[in-house]
Amino acid sequence: MTKKKKPISIASRKAKARVAQNWAAKKIASLLGVDWGKDCVVAPREMGQSGVDVRLVADAKDDFPWSVEVKNQETWNVPAAIRQAKDNQMNSTDWLVVMKKNQHDYVVVLDGDVFFDLLRLIPGRRKGR
């Protein structure tokens, strides 16, 4: 007889989502060379608020033209995450989905044409990291 897994509590779900949002905000802030957190130009969206999951204001929005949706779930529904990212997409930005699963690295999903446009911008375009 197999035991059924106990569903994760709402508080645990929110905490798990917050970890991923903080990771994304910290990475973006590091890339831009700015601080992140509440009252900074890069901040994770507070739980329960609508809109993008990483809030960018002032120059940060111009320097990182992405509307970021973050998912930290064990079951990924990529098409639904993309739809949500597109629904929350801000003007003059491209959508971007950051996904995480336990015991797995973070993954970024973006539009294919945008990805290849970005590759064209890399001088020398070498393989690997």
N, C-alpha and C. Protein backbone atom coordinates (compact mmCIF):
# COMPACT_ATOMS: atom_id res chain seq x y z
N MET A 1 0.84 -1.18 0.00
CA MET A 1 0.00 0.00 0.00
C MET A 1 0.89 1.25 0.00
N THR A 2 0.65 2.14 -0.91
CA THR A 2 1.43 3.38 -1.02
C THR A 2 0.69 4.52 -0.34
N LYS A 3 1.49 5.32 0.33
CA LYS A 3 0.93 6.51 0.97
C LYS A 3 0.77 7.62 -0.06
N LYS A 4 -0.33 8.35 0.07
CA LYS A 4 -0.51 9.53 -0.78
C LYS A 4 0.32 10.66 -0.21
N LYS A 5 0.92 11.44 -1.13
CA LYS A 5 1.68 12.60 -0.68
C LYS A 5 0.73 13.66 -0.15
N LYS A 6 1.11 14.24 0.97
CA LYS A 6 0.32 15.33 1.53
C LYS A 6 0.53 16.57 0.67
N PRO A 7 -0.55 17.24 0.26
CA PRO A 7 -0.37 18.44 -0.56
C PRO A 7 0.37 19.53 0.20
N ILE A 8 1.14 20.30 -0.52
CA ILE A 8 1.90 21.39 0.08
C ILE A 8 0.93 22.50 0.52
N SER A 9 1.19 23.07 1.67
CA SER A 9 0.30 24.12 2.20
C SER A 9 0.44 25.40 1.37
N ILE A 10 -0.55 26.23 1.48
CA ILE A 10 -0.53 27.50 0.75
C ILE A 10 0.65 28.35 1.20
N ALA A 11 0.92 28.36 2.51
CA ALA A 11 2.05 29.13 3.02
C ALA A 11 3.36 28.61 2.44
N SER A 12 3.50 27.29 2.35
CA SER A 12 4.71 26.70 1.77
C SER A 12 4.83 27.02 0.28
N ARG A 13 3.71 27.01 -0.42
CA ARG A 13 3.72 27.37 -1.85
C ARG A 13 4.21 28.80 -2.05
N LYS A 14 3.68 29.69 -1.22
CA LYS A 14 4.07 31.10 -1.34
C LYS A 14 5.55 31.28 -1.00
N ALA A 15 6.02 30.57 0.01
CA ALA A 15 7.44 30.66 0.39
C ALA A 15 8.32 30.14 -0.75
N LYS A 16 7.91 29.05 -1.36
CA LYS A 16 8.66 28.46 -2.48
C LYS A 16 8.70 29.44 -3.66
N ALA A 17 7.57 30.06 -3.95
CA ALA A 17 7.51 31.05 -5.03
C ALA A 17 8.40 32.25 -4.71
N ARG A 18 8.39 32.67 -3.45
CA ARG A 18 9.19 33.83 -3.04
C ARG A 18 10.68 33.56 -3.23
N VAL A 19 11.13 32.34 -2.94
CA VAL A 19 12.54 31.97 -3.12
C VAL A 19 12.94 32.16 -4.59
N ALA A 20 12.12 31.70 -5.50
CA ALA A 20 12.44 31.82 -6.93
C ALA A 20 12.38 33.28 -7.39
N GLN A 21 11.40 34.03 -6.91
CA GLN A 21 11.31 35.44 -7.28
C GLN A 21 12.52 36.20 -6.76
N ASN A 22 12.94 35.91 -5.55
CA ASN A 22 14.14 36.56 -4.99
C ASN A 22 15.38 36.21 -5.81
N TRP A 23 15.49 34.94 -6.23
CA TRP A 23 16.62 34.52 -7.06
C TRP A 23 16.66 35.33 -8.35
N ALA A 24 15.52 35.45 -9.02
CA ALA A 24 15.46 36.19 -10.28
C ALA A 24 15.78 37.67 -10.06
N ALA A 25 15.21 38.27 -9.03
CA ALA A 25 15.46 39.69 -8.75
C ALA A 25 16.94 39.93 -8.44
N LYS A 26 17.54 39.04 -7.66
CA LYS A 26 18.96 39.17 -7.31
C LYS A 26 19.84 39.05 -8.54
N LYS A 27 19.54 38.11 -9.44
CA LYS A 27 20.31 37.92 -10.67
C LYS A 27 20.21 39.15 -11.58
N ILE A 28 19.01 39.69 -11.72
CA ILE A 28 18.80 40.87 -12.57
C ILE A 28 19.54 42.06 -11.98
N ALA A 29 19.41 42.27 -10.68
CA ALA A 29 20.09 43.39 -10.02
C ALA A 29 21.60 43.27 -10.16
N SER A 30 22.12 42.07 -10.01
CA SER A 30 23.56 41.84 -10.16
C SER A 30 24.02 42.17 -11.58
N LEU A 31 23.24 41.75 -12.55
CA LEU A 31 23.55 42.05 -13.95
C LEU A 31 23.59 43.56 -14.21
N LEU A 32 22.67 44.27 -13.59
CA LEU A 32 22.57 45.72 -13.79
C LEU A 32 23.47 46.52 -12.86
N GLY A 33 24.02 45.87 -11.85
CA GLY A 33 24.87 46.57 -10.89
C GLY A 33 24.10 47.48 -9.96
N VAL A 34 22.90 47.05 -9.58
CA VAL A 34 22.06 47.85 -8.67
C VAL A 34 21.63 46.98 -7.50
N ASP A 35 21.05 47.64 -6.48
CA ASP A 35 20.52 46.91 -5.33
C ASP A 35 19.14 46.35 -5.68
N TRP A 36 18.75 45.32 -4.95
CA TRP A 36 17.42 44.76 -5.15
C TRP A 36 16.74 44.61 -3.80
N GLY A 37 15.43 44.58 -3.83
CA GLY A 37 14.64 44.42 -2.61
C GLY A 37 13.57 45.48 -2.54
N LYS A 38 12.83 45.44 -1.47
CA LYS A 38 11.75 46.41 -1.29
C LYS A 38 12.31 47.83 -1.38
N ASP A 39 11.63 48.70 -2.09
CA ASP A 39 12.01 50.10 -2.28
C ASP A 39 13.27 50.28 -3.13
N CYS A 40 13.71 49.24 -3.85
CA CYS A 40 14.83 49.35 -4.78
C CYS A 40 14.30 49.33 -6.21
N VAL A 41 15.16 49.60 -7.18
CA VAL A 41 14.70 49.64 -8.58
C VAL A 41 14.41 48.25 -9.14
N VAL A 42 14.92 47.21 -8.48
CA VAL A 42 14.59 45.82 -8.82
C VAL A 42 14.04 45.17 -7.56
N ALA A 43 12.82 44.61 -7.65
CA ALA A 43 12.21 44.01 -6.47
C ALA A 43 11.28 42.87 -6.87
N PRO A 44 11.27 41.81 -6.07
CA PRO A 44 10.28 40.77 -6.34
C PRO A 44 8.89 41.31 -6.00
N ARG A 45 7.92 40.91 -6.78
CA ARG A 45 6.53 41.35 -6.54
C ARG A 45 6.03 40.71 -5.26
N GLU A 46 5.29 41.46 -4.46
CA GLU A 46 4.73 40.90 -3.23
C GLU A 46 3.66 39.87 -3.60
N MET A 47 3.56 38.83 -2.77
CA MET A 47 2.60 37.76 -3.02
C MET A 47 1.19 38.31 -3.09
N GLY A 48 0.43 37.80 -4.03
CA GLY A 48 -0.97 38.19 -4.17
C GLY A 48 -1.20 39.38 -5.06
N GLN A 49 -0.15 40.09 -5.45
CA GLN A 49 -0.32 41.23 -6.34
C GLN A 49 -0.29 40.75 -7.79
N SER A 50 -1.05 41.41 -8.62
CA SER A 50 -1.06 41.03 -10.03
C SER A 50 0.08 41.72 -10.77
N GLY A 51 0.41 41.20 -11.93
CA GLY A 51 1.47 41.79 -12.74
C GLY A 51 2.70 40.91 -12.77
N VAL A 52 3.77 41.46 -13.30
CA VAL A 52 5.02 40.71 -13.43
C VAL A 52 5.55 40.32 -12.04
N ASP A 53 6.36 39.27 -12.00
CA ASP A 53 6.87 38.77 -10.72
C ASP A 53 8.12 39.49 -10.24
N VAL A 54 8.80 40.19 -11.14
CA VAL A 54 9.95 41.01 -10.75
C VAL A 54 9.66 42.43 -11.23
N ARG A 55 9.56 43.34 -10.28
CA ARG A 55 9.22 44.73 -10.58
C ARG A 55 10.50 45.50 -10.90
N LEU A 56 10.48 46.21 -12.03
CA LEU A 56 11.61 47.03 -12.44
C LEU A 56 11.13 48.47 -12.61
N VAL A 57 11.86 49.41 -12.04
CA VAL A 57 11.49 50.82 -12.17
C VAL A 57 12.69 51.62 -12.65
N ALA A 58 12.40 52.82 -13.10
CA ALA A 58 13.43 53.76 -13.54
C ALA A 58 14.31 53.15 -14.63
N ASP A 59 15.63 53.38 -14.53
CA ASP A 59 16.57 52.90 -15.55
C ASP A 59 16.63 51.39 -15.62
N ALA A 60 16.31 50.70 -14.53
CA ALA A 60 16.36 49.23 -14.53
C ALA A 60 15.42 48.67 -15.60
N LYS A 61 14.28 49.30 -15.77
CA LYS A 61 13.30 48.86 -16.77
C LYS A 61 13.86 49.04 -18.19
N ASP A 62 14.60 50.12 -18.40
CA ASP A 62 15.21 50.36 -19.71
C ASP A 62 16.40 49.43 -19.95
N ASP A 63 17.16 49.15 -18.91
CA ASP A 63 18.37 48.33 -19.03
C ASP A 63 18.07 46.84 -19.07
N PHE A 64 16.92 46.43 -18.59
CA PHE A 64 16.51 45.03 -18.61
C PHE A 64 15.08 44.98 -19.15
N PRO A 65 14.92 45.01 -20.48
CA PRO A 65 13.59 45.14 -21.09
C PRO A 65 12.82 43.82 -21.16
N TRP A 66 12.57 43.23 -20.02
CA TRP A 66 11.87 41.95 -19.94
C TRP A 66 10.75 42.02 -18.92
N SER A 67 9.66 41.37 -19.22
CA SER A 67 8.58 41.17 -18.26
C SER A 67 8.75 39.75 -17.74
N VAL A 68 9.08 39.61 -16.47
CA VAL A 68 9.50 38.32 -15.90
C VAL A 68 8.37 37.64 -15.14
N GLU A 69 8.10 36.41 -15.53
CA GLU A 69 7.16 35.53 -14.82
C GLU A 69 8.00 34.42 -14.19
N VAL A 70 7.78 34.12 -12.92
CA VAL A 70 8.58 33.12 -12.20
C VAL A 70 7.68 31.98 -11.73
N LYS A 71 8.12 30.75 -11.97
CA LYS A 71 7.39 29.55 -11.52
C LYS A 71 8.36 28.65 -10.76
N ASN A 72 7.97 28.22 -9.58
CA ASN A 72 8.75 27.27 -8.80
C ASN A 72 7.80 26.14 -8.43
N GLN A 73 7.66 25.17 -9.34
CA GLN A 73 6.67 24.11 -9.20
C GLN A 73 7.26 22.77 -9.59
N GLU A 74 6.68 21.72 -9.08
CA GLU A 74 7.14 20.38 -9.43
C GLU A 74 6.56 19.91 -10.76
N THR A 75 5.41 20.42 -11.13
CA THR A 75 4.81 20.10 -12.41
C THR A 75 4.79 21.38 -13.24
N TRP A 76 5.46 21.33 -14.38
CA TRP A 76 5.54 22.51 -15.23
C TRP A 76 4.48 22.47 -16.31
N ASN A 77 3.78 23.58 -16.45
CA ASN A 77 2.87 23.76 -17.56
C ASN A 77 3.42 24.95 -18.34
N VAL A 78 4.35 24.67 -19.23
CA VAL A 78 5.06 25.73 -19.95
C VAL A 78 4.11 26.61 -20.76
N PRO A 79 3.17 26.04 -21.54
CA PRO A 79 2.26 26.91 -22.30
C PRO A 79 1.47 27.86 -21.39
N ALA A 80 1.03 27.39 -20.24
CA ALA A 80 0.28 28.25 -19.32
C ALA A 80 1.17 29.35 -18.75
N ALA A 81 2.42 29.01 -18.43
CA ALA A 81 3.36 30.01 -17.91
C ALA A 81 3.64 31.08 -18.97
N ILE A 82 3.79 30.66 -20.22
CA ILE A 82 4.02 31.62 -21.31
C ILE A 82 2.80 32.52 -21.49
N ARG A 83 1.60 31.93 -21.44
CA ARG A 83 0.38 32.74 -21.56
C ARG A 83 0.32 33.79 -20.46
N GLN A 84 0.64 33.38 -19.22
CA GLN A 84 0.62 34.32 -18.11
C GLN A 84 1.66 35.42 -18.30
N ALA A 85 2.85 35.05 -18.77
CA ALA A 85 3.90 36.04 -19.02
C ALA A 85 3.46 37.03 -20.08
N LYS A 86 2.82 36.53 -21.13
CA LYS A 86 2.33 37.42 -22.19
C LYS A 86 1.21 38.32 -21.69
N ASP A 87 0.33 37.77 -20.85
CA ASP A 87 -0.77 38.57 -20.29
C ASP A 87 -0.26 39.70 -19.41
N ASN A 88 0.86 39.47 -18.72
CA ASN A 88 1.43 40.48 -17.81
C ASN A 88 2.53 41.31 -18.47
N GLN A 89 2.79 41.08 -19.73
CA GLN A 89 3.88 41.75 -20.44
C GLN A 89 3.66 43.26 -20.48
N MET A 90 4.70 43.99 -20.09
CA MET A 90 4.64 45.45 -20.10
C MET A 90 5.03 45.98 -21.48
N ASN A 91 4.61 47.18 -21.80
CA ASN A 91 4.96 47.80 -23.08
C ASN A 91 6.48 47.90 -23.24
N SER A 92 6.94 47.75 -24.46
CA SER A 92 8.37 47.88 -24.81
C SER A 92 9.25 46.84 -24.13
N THR A 93 8.68 45.68 -23.79
CA THR A 93 9.48 44.59 -23.21
C THR A 93 9.14 43.29 -23.93
N ASP A 94 10.00 42.31 -23.77
CA ASP A 94 9.72 40.95 -24.20
C ASP A 94 9.37 40.15 -22.95
N TRP A 95 8.62 39.08 -23.12
CA TRP A 95 8.28 38.23 -21.98
C TRP A 95 9.43 37.25 -21.71
N LEU A 96 9.52 36.82 -20.47
CA LEU A 96 10.56 35.89 -20.05
C LEU A 96 9.99 35.06 -18.89
N VAL A 97 10.15 33.75 -18.94
CA VAL A 97 9.67 32.88 -17.87
C VAL A 97 10.88 32.23 -17.21
N VAL A 98 10.97 32.33 -15.88
CA VAL A 98 11.99 31.67 -15.10
C VAL A 98 11.30 30.51 -14.38
N MET A 99 11.82 29.28 -14.57
CA MET A 99 11.19 28.11 -13.97
C MET A 99 12.18 27.36 -13.10
N LYS A 100 11.68 26.77 -12.01
CA LYS A 100 12.50 26.02 -11.07
C LYS A 100 11.70 24.83 -10.58
N LYS A 101 12.41 23.75 -10.32
CA LYS A 101 11.83 22.52 -9.79
C LYS A 101 12.81 21.99 -8.75
N ASN A 102 12.34 21.37 -7.69
CA ASN A 102 13.25 20.83 -6.67
C ASN A 102 14.33 19.96 -7.30
N GLN A 103 15.54 20.09 -6.81
CA GLN A 103 16.71 19.34 -7.26
C GLN A 103 17.06 19.58 -8.74
N HIS A 104 16.60 20.68 -9.29
CA HIS A 104 16.93 21.05 -10.67
C HIS A 104 17.37 22.51 -10.71
N ASP A 105 18.16 22.85 -11.71
CA ASP A 105 18.61 24.22 -11.88
C ASP A 105 17.48 25.10 -12.42
N TYR A 106 17.68 26.40 -12.30
CA TYR A 106 16.73 27.34 -12.89
C TYR A 106 16.82 27.25 -14.41
N VAL A 107 15.68 27.43 -15.06
CA VAL A 107 15.58 27.40 -16.52
C VAL A 107 14.87 28.67 -16.96
N VAL A 108 15.31 29.23 -18.08
CA VAL A 108 14.67 30.42 -18.63
C VAL A 108 14.04 30.07 -19.97
N VAL A 109 12.80 30.48 -20.16
CA VAL A 109 12.07 30.25 -21.41
C VAL A 109 11.79 31.62 -22.02
N LEU A 110 12.11 31.78 -23.30
CA LEU A 110 11.81 33.02 -23.99
C LEU A 110 11.47 32.72 -25.44
N ASP A 111 10.93 33.69 -26.12
CA ASP A 111 10.55 33.55 -27.52
C ASP A 111 11.78 33.17 -28.36
N GLY A 112 11.61 32.21 -29.27
CA GLY A 112 12.72 31.72 -30.08
C GLY A 112 13.38 32.79 -30.92
N ASP A 113 12.58 33.65 -31.57
CA ASP A 113 13.16 34.72 -32.39
C ASP A 113 13.98 35.69 -31.53
N VAL A 114 13.48 35.98 -30.33
CA VAL A 114 14.21 36.87 -29.42
C VAL A 114 15.54 36.23 -29.03
N PHE A 115 15.53 34.93 -28.75
CA PHE A 115 16.76 34.23 -28.40
C PHE A 115 17.81 34.37 -29.50
N PHE A 116 17.42 34.13 -30.75
CA PHE A 116 18.39 34.22 -31.84
C PHE A 116 18.81 35.66 -32.13
N ASP A 117 17.92 36.61 -31.89
CA ASP A 117 18.31 38.03 -32.00
C ASP A 117 19.37 38.36 -30.95
N LEU A 118 19.22 37.82 -29.75
CA LEU A 118 20.22 38.05 -28.70
C LEU A 118 21.56 37.44 -29.07
N LEU A 119 21.55 36.25 -29.64
CA LEU A 119 22.81 35.61 -30.05
C LEU A 119 23.57 36.45 -31.07
N ARG A 120 22.83 37.12 -31.93
CA ARG A 120 23.48 37.98 -32.94
C ARG A 120 24.22 39.15 -32.30
N LEU A 121 23.84 39.52 -31.09
CA LEU A 121 24.46 40.66 -30.41
C LEU A 121 25.76 40.31 -29.71
N ILE A 122 26.04 39.03 -29.54
CA ILE A 122 27.23 38.59 -28.81
C ILE A 122 28.44 38.65 -29.73
N PRO A 123 29.43 39.48 -29.40
CA PRO A 123 30.63 39.54 -30.24
C PRO A 123 31.39 38.22 -30.19
N GLY A 124 31.81 37.74 -31.33
CA GLY A 124 32.62 36.50 -31.39
C GLY A 124 31.80 35.22 -31.30
N ARG A 125 30.61 35.29 -30.73
CA ARG A 125 29.70 34.14 -30.60
C ARG A 125 30.41 32.80 -30.48
N ARG A 126 31.10 32.59 -29.39
CA ARG A 126 31.78 31.30 -29.16
C ARG A 126 30.83 30.30 -28.53
N LYS A 127 31.16 29.05 -28.67
CA LYS A 127 30.33 27.99 -28.07
C LYS A 127 30.63 27.89 -26.59
N GLY A 128 29.64 27.39 -25.84
CA GLY A 128 29.83 27.12 -24.41
C GLY A 128 29.83 28.37 -23.56
N ARG A 129 30.18 28.17 -22.32
CA ARG A 129 30.18 29.29 -21.36
C ARG A 129 31.48 30.01 -21.48
